[in-house]
N, C-alpha and C. Protein backbone atom coordinates (compact mmCIF):
# COMPACT_ATOMS: atom_id res chain seq x y z
N MET A 1 -36.12 -25.42 -73.58
CA MET A 1 -35.54 -24.28 -73.67
C MET A 1 -33.99 -24.83 -73.99
N LYS A 2 -33.43 -23.86 -74.96
CA LYS A 2 -32.17 -24.19 -75.17
C LYS A 2 -31.06 -23.06 -74.63
N ILE A 3 -30.13 -23.61 -73.77
CA ILE A 3 -29.52 -22.28 -72.81
C ILE A 3 -28.21 -21.76 -74.03
N THR A 4 -28.53 -20.67 -74.37
CA THR A 4 -27.48 -19.83 -75.37
C THR A 4 -26.61 -18.51 -74.69
N GLU A 5 -27.23 -18.58 -73.32
CA GLU A 5 -26.42 -17.39 -72.71
C GLU A 5 -25.70 -17.98 -71.45
N PRO A 6 -24.75 -17.20 -71.21
CA PRO A 6 -23.64 -18.04 -70.21
C PRO A 6 -24.41 -17.44 -68.59
N ALA A 7 -24.17 -18.17 -67.61
CA ALA A 7 -24.82 -18.02 -66.47
C ALA A 7 -24.09 -16.72 -65.88
N ARG A 8 -25.23 -15.81 -65.43
CA ARG A 8 -24.79 -14.32 -64.70
C ARG A 8 -24.10 -14.69 -63.55
N THR A 9 -23.24 -13.59 -63.07
CA THR A 9 -22.48 -13.59 -61.82
C THR A 9 -23.28 -13.42 -60.57
N ALA A 10 -23.00 -13.66 -59.70
CA ALA A 10 -23.87 -13.80 -58.11
C ALA A 10 -24.24 -11.96 -58.29
N GLU A 11 -23.16 -11.36 -58.68
CA GLU A 11 -23.66 -9.57 -58.47
C GLU A 11 -24.68 -9.47 -59.53
N GLN A 12 -24.49 -10.06 -60.44
CA GLN A 12 -25.69 -9.59 -61.61
C GLN A 12 -26.64 -10.03 -61.11
N ARG A 13 -26.85 -11.31 -60.63
CA ARG A 13 -27.98 -12.02 -60.09
C ARG A 13 -28.75 -10.86 -59.09
N LYS A 14 -28.20 -10.35 -58.05
CA LYS A 14 -28.33 -9.47 -57.16
C LYS A 14 -28.77 -8.13 -57.67
N ARG A 15 -28.32 -7.62 -58.63
CA ARG A 15 -28.67 -6.30 -59.18
C ARG A 15 -30.32 -6.78 -59.82
N ASP A 16 -30.40 -7.89 -60.40
CA ASP A 16 -31.44 -8.11 -61.46
C ASP A 16 -32.38 -8.26 -59.94
N VAL A 17 -32.24 -9.08 -59.23
CA VAL A 17 -33.56 -9.16 -58.06
C VAL A 17 -34.03 -7.61 -57.27
N LEU A 18 -32.84 -7.08 -57.22
CA LEU A 18 -33.44 -5.77 -56.63
C LEU A 18 -33.99 -5.01 -57.36
N ALA A 19 -33.60 -5.13 -58.78
CA ALA A 19 -34.28 -4.10 -59.88
C ALA A 19 -35.76 -4.79 -60.03
N ARG A 20 -36.21 -6.10 -60.04
CA ARG A 20 -37.36 -6.83 -60.26
C ARG A 20 -38.28 -6.12 -58.23
N LEU A 21 -37.42 -6.20 -57.43
CA LEU A 21 -37.98 -5.70 -56.23
C LEU A 21 -38.70 -4.39 -56.48
N GLU A 22 -37.83 -3.56 -56.84
CA GLU A 22 -38.15 -2.20 -56.92
C GLU A 22 -39.26 -1.73 -58.32
N GLY A 23 -39.13 -2.80 -59.47
CA GLY A 23 -39.75 -2.30 -60.04
C GLY A 23 -40.99 -3.21 -60.50
N GLU A 24 -41.19 -4.19 -60.14
CA GLU A 24 -42.77 -5.35 -60.32
C GLU A 24 -43.71 -4.68 -59.36
N LEU A 25 -44.97 -5.07 -59.89
CA LEU A 25 -45.94 -4.25 -58.94
C LEU A 25 -46.66 -5.82 -58.12
N ASP A 26 -46.69 -6.91 -58.64
CA ASP A 26 -47.20 -8.31 -58.09
C ASP A 26 -46.18 -8.97 -58.04
N VAL A 27 -46.55 -9.74 -56.94
CA VAL A 27 -45.41 -11.01 -56.32
C VAL A 27 -46.88 -12.28 -55.89
N TRP A 28 -45.99 -13.44 -56.52
CA TRP A 28 -46.88 -15.05 -56.00
C TRP A 28 -46.65 -14.99 -54.09
N VAL A 29 -47.28 -15.09 -53.64
CA VAL A 29 -47.20 -15.39 -51.96
C VAL A 29 -47.85 -16.72 -52.09
N ALA A 30 -47.02 -17.52 -51.20
CA ALA A 30 -47.34 -18.61 -50.91
C ALA A 30 -47.16 -18.97 -49.03
N THR A 31 -48.25 -19.07 -48.83
CA THR A 31 -48.52 -19.71 -47.22
C THR A 31 -48.92 -20.81 -47.13
N ALA A 32 -49.15 -21.07 -45.78
CA ALA A 32 -50.13 -22.70 -45.37
C ALA A 32 -50.64 -22.06 -43.83
N ASP A 33 -51.75 -23.01 -43.80
CA ASP A 33 -52.30 -22.77 -42.63
C ASP A 33 -51.62 -24.01 -41.66
N ALA A 34 -52.49 -23.86 -40.37
CA ALA A 34 -51.79 -24.80 -39.48
C ALA A 34 -51.75 -26.07 -39.82
N ASP A 35 -52.87 -26.91 -40.71
CA ASP A 35 -52.88 -28.09 -41.05
C ASP A 35 -52.07 -28.15 -42.36
N GLY A 36 -51.12 -27.42 -43.06
CA GLY A 36 -50.26 -27.26 -43.99
C GLY A 36 -51.14 -27.36 -45.16
N LEU A 37 -52.07 -26.91 -45.33
CA LEU A 37 -53.06 -26.37 -46.43
C LEU A 37 -52.34 -25.07 -47.20
N PRO A 38 -51.79 -25.41 -48.07
CA PRO A 38 -51.22 -24.29 -49.01
C PRO A 38 -52.21 -23.40 -49.52
N CYS A 39 -51.67 -22.21 -49.80
CA CYS A 39 -52.47 -21.30 -50.37
C CYS A 39 -51.50 -20.12 -51.08
N LEU A 40 -51.67 -19.94 -52.60
CA LEU A 40 -50.85 -19.14 -53.23
C LEU A 40 -51.52 -18.17 -54.15
N VAL A 41 -51.51 -16.68 -53.92
CA VAL A 41 -52.14 -15.59 -54.41
C VAL A 41 -51.07 -14.68 -54.91
N PRO A 42 -51.34 -13.58 -55.99
CA PRO A 42 -50.87 -12.45 -56.07
C PRO A 42 -51.28 -11.53 -55.66
N LEU A 43 -50.28 -10.84 -54.98
CA LEU A 43 -50.65 -9.41 -54.29
C LEU A 43 -49.86 -8.28 -54.65
N TRP A 44 -50.22 -7.20 -54.67
CA TRP A 44 -49.77 -5.99 -55.11
C TRP A 44 -48.31 -5.82 -53.51
N PHE A 45 -47.32 -5.31 -53.84
CA PHE A 45 -46.18 -5.21 -53.00
C PHE A 45 -45.46 -3.78 -53.10
N VAL A 46 -44.54 -3.27 -52.27
CA VAL A 46 -43.51 -2.27 -52.53
C VAL A 46 -42.75 -3.07 -51.72
N TRP A 47 -41.07 -2.59 -52.26
CA TRP A 47 -40.15 -2.95 -51.53
C TRP A 47 -39.51 -1.46 -50.88
N ASP A 48 -39.33 -1.31 -49.45
CA ASP A 48 -39.24 -0.16 -48.79
C ASP A 48 -38.11 -0.53 -47.69
N GLU A 49 -37.10 0.21 -47.91
CA GLU A 49 -35.87 -0.37 -46.70
C GLU A 49 -35.56 -1.74 -46.66
N ASP A 50 -35.46 -2.31 -47.88
CA ASP A 50 -35.02 -3.75 -47.33
C ASP A 50 -36.12 -4.79 -47.16
N GLU A 51 -37.27 -4.22 -47.14
CA GLU A 51 -38.91 -5.29 -46.83
C GLU A 51 -39.72 -5.20 -47.62
N VAL A 52 -40.14 -6.10 -47.82
CA VAL A 52 -41.45 -6.48 -48.89
C VAL A 52 -42.61 -5.98 -48.11
N TRP A 53 -43.54 -5.04 -48.22
CA TRP A 53 -44.98 -4.86 -47.84
C TRP A 53 -46.01 -5.09 -48.51
N MET A 54 -47.01 -6.09 -48.12
CA MET A 54 -47.88 -6.23 -48.99
C MET A 54 -49.58 -5.88 -48.29
N CYS A 55 -50.27 -5.83 -48.77
CA CYS A 55 -51.73 -5.80 -48.00
C CYS A 55 -52.82 -6.74 -48.46
N THR A 56 -53.50 -7.32 -47.42
CA THR A 56 -54.88 -7.73 -47.86
C THR A 56 -55.62 -8.12 -46.77
N ARG A 57 -56.37 -8.67 -47.04
CA ARG A 57 -57.88 -8.57 -45.60
C ARG A 57 -57.10 -9.83 -44.89
N LEU A 58 -57.24 -9.24 -43.51
CA LEU A 58 -57.06 -10.22 -42.57
C LEU A 58 -57.74 -11.24 -42.44
N THR A 59 -59.03 -11.36 -42.73
CA THR A 59 -59.67 -12.30 -42.70
C THR A 59 -59.70 -13.56 -44.27
N SER A 60 -58.73 -13.24 -44.81
CA SER A 60 -58.61 -14.22 -46.02
C SER A 60 -57.86 -15.09 -45.48
N PRO A 61 -57.54 -16.38 -46.18
CA PRO A 61 -56.57 -17.16 -46.03
C PRO A 61 -55.58 -16.88 -46.06
N THR A 62 -54.86 -16.21 -46.72
CA THR A 62 -53.60 -15.30 -46.86
C THR A 62 -53.52 -14.76 -45.70
N GLY A 63 -54.23 -13.66 -45.63
CA GLY A 63 -54.01 -12.92 -44.51
C GLY A 63 -54.03 -13.53 -43.07
N LEU A 64 -55.05 -14.54 -42.55
CA LEU A 64 -54.52 -15.59 -41.86
C LEU A 64 -53.32 -16.09 -41.70
N ASN A 65 -53.21 -16.79 -42.47
CA ASN A 65 -51.67 -17.76 -42.82
C ASN A 65 -50.40 -16.77 -42.47
N LEU A 66 -50.55 -15.68 -43.20
CA LEU A 66 -49.75 -14.63 -42.99
C LEU A 66 -49.55 -14.51 -41.15
N ARG A 67 -50.59 -13.56 -41.10
CA ARG A 67 -50.54 -13.39 -39.48
C ARG A 67 -50.07 -14.76 -38.50
N ASP A 68 -50.90 -15.81 -38.55
CA ASP A 68 -50.70 -16.67 -37.53
C ASP A 68 -49.53 -17.68 -38.17
N GLY A 69 -48.89 -17.87 -39.28
CA GLY A 69 -47.71 -18.93 -39.47
C GLY A 69 -46.46 -17.68 -39.49
N GLY A 70 -46.45 -16.68 -39.38
CA GLY A 70 -45.30 -15.85 -39.47
C GLY A 70 -44.18 -16.04 -40.68
N ARG A 71 -44.56 -16.61 -41.41
CA ARG A 71 -43.68 -16.79 -42.73
C ARG A 71 -44.27 -16.86 -44.04
N ALA A 72 -43.50 -16.63 -45.09
CA ALA A 72 -44.08 -16.37 -46.33
C ALA A 72 -43.00 -17.02 -47.53
N ARG A 73 -43.49 -17.48 -48.72
CA ARG A 73 -42.48 -17.36 -49.59
C ARG A 73 -43.06 -16.78 -50.81
N LEU A 74 -42.19 -15.99 -51.37
CA LEU A 74 -42.59 -14.97 -52.49
C LEU A 74 -41.78 -15.40 -53.87
N ALA A 75 -42.73 -15.25 -54.55
CA ALA A 75 -42.04 -15.77 -56.11
C ALA A 75 -42.45 -14.82 -57.20
N PHE A 76 -41.32 -14.60 -57.96
CA PHE A 76 -41.07 -13.63 -59.04
C PHE A 76 -41.11 -14.72 -60.66
N GLY A 77 -41.75 -14.02 -61.59
CA GLY A 77 -41.05 -14.56 -62.43
C GLY A 77 -41.89 -15.86 -62.96
N ASP A 78 -41.27 -16.55 -64.19
CA ASP A 78 -41.92 -17.76 -64.71
C ASP A 78 -40.51 -18.98 -64.42
N THR A 79 -40.79 -19.89 -65.09
CA THR A 79 -39.93 -20.99 -64.70
C THR A 79 -38.38 -21.11 -65.11
N GLN A 80 -38.25 -20.02 -66.43
CA GLN A 80 -37.13 -19.86 -66.73
C GLN A 80 -36.39 -18.08 -66.13
N ASP A 81 -37.06 -17.43 -65.19
CA ASP A 81 -36.37 -16.40 -64.66
C ASP A 81 -37.00 -16.39 -63.33
N VAL A 82 -36.45 -17.28 -62.52
CA VAL A 82 -37.03 -17.15 -61.11
C VAL A 82 -36.26 -16.47 -59.92
N VAL A 83 -36.98 -15.73 -58.82
CA VAL A 83 -36.77 -15.21 -57.70
C VAL A 83 -37.42 -16.07 -56.72
N LEU A 84 -37.01 -16.48 -55.59
CA LEU A 84 -37.99 -17.13 -54.50
C LEU A 84 -37.34 -16.15 -53.50
N LEU A 85 -38.27 -15.54 -52.63
CA LEU A 85 -37.62 -14.84 -51.68
C LEU A 85 -38.58 -15.42 -50.24
N ASP A 86 -37.43 -16.22 -49.10
CA ASP A 86 -38.39 -16.60 -48.05
C ASP A 86 -38.18 -15.65 -46.88
N GLY A 87 -39.11 -15.42 -46.08
CA GLY A 87 -39.21 -14.41 -44.99
C GLY A 87 -39.72 -14.49 -43.90
N GLU A 88 -39.61 -13.99 -42.89
CA GLU A 88 -40.32 -13.50 -41.73
C GLU A 88 -41.16 -12.56 -41.84
N VAL A 89 -42.73 -12.90 -41.25
CA VAL A 89 -43.62 -11.89 -41.32
C VAL A 89 -44.24 -11.15 -40.29
N ARG A 90 -44.31 -10.04 -40.25
CA ARG A 90 -45.09 -9.27 -39.04
C ARG A 90 -46.27 -8.66 -39.86
N THR A 91 -47.30 -8.83 -38.89
CA THR A 91 -48.46 -8.06 -39.22
C THR A 91 -49.16 -6.67 -38.28
N PHE A 92 -49.36 -5.92 -39.42
CA PHE A 92 -49.78 -4.42 -39.04
C PHE A 92 -51.08 -4.61 -38.89
N GLU A 93 -52.01 -4.16 -38.11
CA GLU A 93 -53.43 -3.92 -38.40
C GLU A 93 -54.09 -2.44 -38.49
N GLY A 94 -54.93 -2.53 -38.82
CA GLY A 94 -55.25 -0.70 -38.69
C GLY A 94 -54.76 0.27 -39.40
N ARG A 95 -54.43 1.07 -38.42
CA ARG A 95 -53.03 2.13 -38.88
C ARG A 95 -51.82 1.90 -38.07
N ASP A 96 -51.62 0.54 -37.69
CA ASP A 96 -50.10 0.60 -37.00
C ASP A 96 -49.07 0.53 -37.94
N ALA A 97 -48.95 0.35 -38.99
CA ALA A 97 -48.10 0.24 -39.95
C ALA A 97 -47.40 1.60 -40.09
N PRO A 98 -46.13 1.39 -40.23
CA PRO A 98 -45.35 2.70 -40.50
C PRO A 98 -45.96 3.78 -41.85
N GLU A 99 -46.11 4.86 -41.54
CA GLU A 99 -46.35 5.78 -42.43
C GLU A 99 -45.38 5.59 -43.68
N SER A 100 -44.25 5.38 -43.57
CA SER A 100 -43.02 5.49 -44.77
C SER A 100 -43.41 4.65 -45.39
N ALA A 101 -43.78 3.05 -45.04
CA ALA A 101 -44.27 1.73 -45.84
C ALA A 101 -45.68 2.03 -46.71
N VAL A 102 -46.36 2.39 -45.47
CA VAL A 102 -47.88 2.94 -46.49
C VAL A 102 -47.91 3.73 -47.57
N GLY A 103 -47.16 4.75 -47.09
CA GLY A 103 -46.88 5.97 -48.42
C GLY A 103 -46.53 5.32 -49.73
N ALA A 104 -45.34 4.33 -49.42
CA ALA A 104 -44.32 3.70 -50.77
C ALA A 104 -45.47 2.98 -51.26
N PHE A 105 -46.24 2.00 -50.30
CA PHE A 105 -47.28 1.39 -51.11
C PHE A 105 -48.19 1.83 -51.87
N VAL A 106 -48.68 2.97 -51.15
CA VAL A 106 -49.78 4.02 -52.20
C VAL A 106 -49.33 4.79 -53.18
N THR A 107 -48.09 5.51 -53.01
CA THR A 107 -47.65 5.66 -54.09
C THR A 107 -47.01 4.84 -55.33
N LYS A 108 -46.94 3.66 -55.31
CA LYS A 108 -46.55 2.69 -56.27
C LYS A 108 -48.03 1.94 -56.59
N THR A 109 -49.02 1.65 -56.26
CA THR A 109 -50.07 1.06 -56.37
C THR A 109 -51.20 2.20 -56.68
N GLY A 110 -51.00 3.28 -56.23
CA GLY A 110 -52.20 4.27 -56.30
C GLY A 110 -53.43 3.84 -55.51
N TRP A 111 -53.39 2.81 -54.64
CA TRP A 111 -54.49 2.62 -53.81
C TRP A 111 -53.96 2.44 -52.20
N ASP A 112 -54.85 2.81 -51.57
CA ASP A 112 -54.81 3.21 -50.23
C ASP A 112 -55.75 2.06 -49.41
N PRO A 113 -55.49 0.79 -48.86
CA PRO A 113 -56.09 0.25 -48.10
C PRO A 113 -57.11 0.92 -47.14
N ARG A 114 -56.17 1.58 -46.39
CA ARG A 114 -56.71 2.12 -45.36
C ARG A 114 -57.96 2.89 -45.45
N GLN A 115 -58.20 3.35 -46.44
CA GLN A 115 -59.56 4.07 -47.24
C GLN A 115 -60.78 2.94 -47.55
N ASP A 116 -60.56 1.85 -47.85
CA ASP A 116 -61.44 0.92 -48.35
C ASP A 116 -61.82 0.18 -47.30
N SER A 117 -61.07 -0.16 -46.11
CA SER A 117 -61.86 -1.14 -45.31
C SER A 117 -60.99 -1.33 -43.87
N ALA A 118 -61.82 -1.35 -43.11
CA ALA A 118 -61.06 -1.58 -41.95
C ALA A 118 -60.35 -3.09 -41.85
N SER A 119 -61.11 -4.28 -42.58
CA SER A 119 -60.39 -5.17 -42.68
C SER A 119 -59.08 -5.74 -43.30
N TYR A 120 -58.52 -4.83 -43.85
CA TYR A 120 -57.46 -5.04 -44.33
C TYR A 120 -56.08 -4.57 -43.59
N ALA A 121 -54.91 -5.24 -43.62
CA ALA A 121 -53.67 -5.33 -42.75
C ALA A 121 -52.57 -5.11 -43.52
N PHE A 122 -51.50 -4.55 -43.50
CA PHE A 122 -50.71 -4.75 -43.97
C PHE A 122 -49.61 -5.76 -43.48
N PHE A 123 -48.80 -6.28 -44.20
CA PHE A 123 -47.68 -7.45 -43.89
C PHE A 123 -46.33 -7.07 -44.31
N ARG A 124 -45.52 -6.95 -43.50
CA ARG A 124 -44.01 -6.86 -43.64
C ARG A 124 -43.35 -8.19 -43.78
N VAL A 125 -42.48 -8.31 -44.81
CA VAL A 125 -41.90 -9.50 -44.81
C VAL A 125 -40.47 -9.20 -45.06
N ARG A 126 -39.55 -9.35 -43.78
CA ARG A 126 -38.00 -9.36 -43.94
C ARG A 126 -37.58 -10.64 -44.86
N PRO A 127 -36.90 -10.48 -45.75
CA PRO A 127 -36.09 -11.65 -46.17
C PRO A 127 -35.14 -12.05 -45.37
N ARG A 128 -35.17 -13.29 -45.34
CA ARG A 128 -34.16 -14.57 -44.57
C ARG A 128 -33.53 -15.33 -45.56
N ALA A 129 -34.01 -15.51 -46.97
CA ALA A 129 -33.09 -16.04 -48.06
C ALA A 129 -33.91 -15.74 -49.31
N VAL A 130 -32.88 -15.77 -50.35
CA VAL A 130 -33.54 -15.38 -51.84
C VAL A 130 -32.58 -16.08 -52.65
N GLN A 131 -33.26 -16.74 -53.52
CA GLN A 131 -32.31 -17.38 -54.38
C GLN A 131 -33.00 -16.98 -56.03
N ALA A 132 -32.08 -17.00 -57.22
CA ALA A 132 -32.26 -16.40 -58.38
C ALA A 132 -31.48 -17.24 -59.72
N TRP A 133 -32.25 -17.59 -60.48
CA TRP A 133 -31.82 -18.51 -61.53
C TRP A 133 -32.77 -18.24 -62.58
N HIS A 134 -31.92 -18.11 -63.60
CA HIS A 134 -32.39 -18.60 -64.97
C HIS A 134 -32.01 -19.87 -65.67
N GLY A 135 -32.98 -20.93 -65.62
CA GLY A 135 -32.55 -22.28 -66.46
C GLY A 135 -31.51 -22.80 -65.39
N GLU A 136 -31.49 -24.10 -65.98
CA GLU A 136 -30.84 -25.12 -65.09
C GLU A 136 -29.31 -24.77 -64.90
N HIS A 137 -28.66 -23.87 -65.85
CA HIS A 137 -27.41 -23.81 -65.95
C HIS A 137 -26.89 -22.65 -64.82
N GLU A 138 -27.98 -21.93 -64.25
CA GLU A 138 -27.79 -21.08 -62.78
C GLU A 138 -28.40 -21.57 -61.83
N MET A 139 -28.13 -23.05 -61.59
CA MET A 139 -28.89 -23.52 -60.25
C MET A 139 -27.91 -23.40 -59.12
N ARG A 140 -26.66 -23.57 -59.71
CA ARG A 140 -25.21 -23.58 -58.86
C ARG A 140 -25.04 -22.31 -58.58
N GLY A 141 -24.90 -21.47 -57.34
CA GLY A 141 -25.09 -20.17 -57.01
C GLY A 141 -26.39 -19.72 -57.35
N ARG A 142 -27.45 -20.34 -56.86
CA ARG A 142 -28.30 -19.31 -57.05
C ARG A 142 -28.88 -18.98 -55.71
N HIS A 143 -28.36 -19.31 -54.50
CA HIS A 143 -28.47 -18.42 -53.05
C HIS A 143 -27.93 -17.22 -52.96
N LEU A 144 -28.61 -16.20 -53.04
CA LEU A 144 -28.22 -15.06 -52.93
C LEU A 144 -28.05 -14.40 -51.77
N MET A 145 -28.97 -14.74 -50.65
CA MET A 145 -29.15 -14.38 -49.14
C MET A 145 -29.49 -15.71 -48.32
N ARG A 146 -28.76 -15.86 -47.19
CA ARG A 146 -29.13 -16.92 -46.20
C ARG A 146 -28.91 -16.34 -44.73
N ASP A 147 -29.96 -16.60 -44.15
CA ASP A 147 -29.92 -15.95 -42.83
C ASP A 147 -30.16 -14.79 -42.78
N GLY A 148 -30.34 -14.10 -43.55
CA GLY A 148 -31.05 -12.69 -43.79
C GLY A 148 -29.78 -11.57 -44.15
N ALA A 149 -28.82 -12.22 -44.53
CA ALA A 149 -27.78 -11.55 -45.12
C ALA A 149 -27.19 -12.24 -46.37
N TRP A 150 -26.95 -10.97 -47.33
CA TRP A 150 -26.51 -11.22 -48.89
C TRP A 150 -25.47 -11.86 -48.74
N VAL A 151 -25.11 -12.90 -49.14
CA VAL A 151 -24.02 -13.66 -49.33
C VAL A 151 -22.97 -12.95 -50.70
N VAL A 152 -23.65 -12.20 -51.34
CA VAL A 152 -22.83 -11.55 -52.48
C VAL A 152 -22.56 -10.17 -51.90
């Protein structure tokens, strides 16, 4: 890739990240089990009140890793338009998830997992770190959030 555009400002990167969190339907979810075996899957998600909410079967490798590990890395885009979000995970089984988050998820995806199977759980990811860059020329300044606080 030939770099033809100047690097975005940190403020523009944050706006772009927030637009993706609002607008995209899928996110890559990276987890690992207790032995370090990695797992990478796409899941539907919703950005609700500064948190990412996802849903998958609690018995799946991803569900177990999210519940047991308490951490996840979420990724958007391709290698020329990257957003990485590292966060802490909390699991909500059955009907324990807040109705506002579930409602936002159902509105965005058109699917209510609670009507599908009792084995589904909701997972809240609170961001602790966010990085964003378009190519090598934006590697400097890619850290937009650290320790759960926006630095922009």
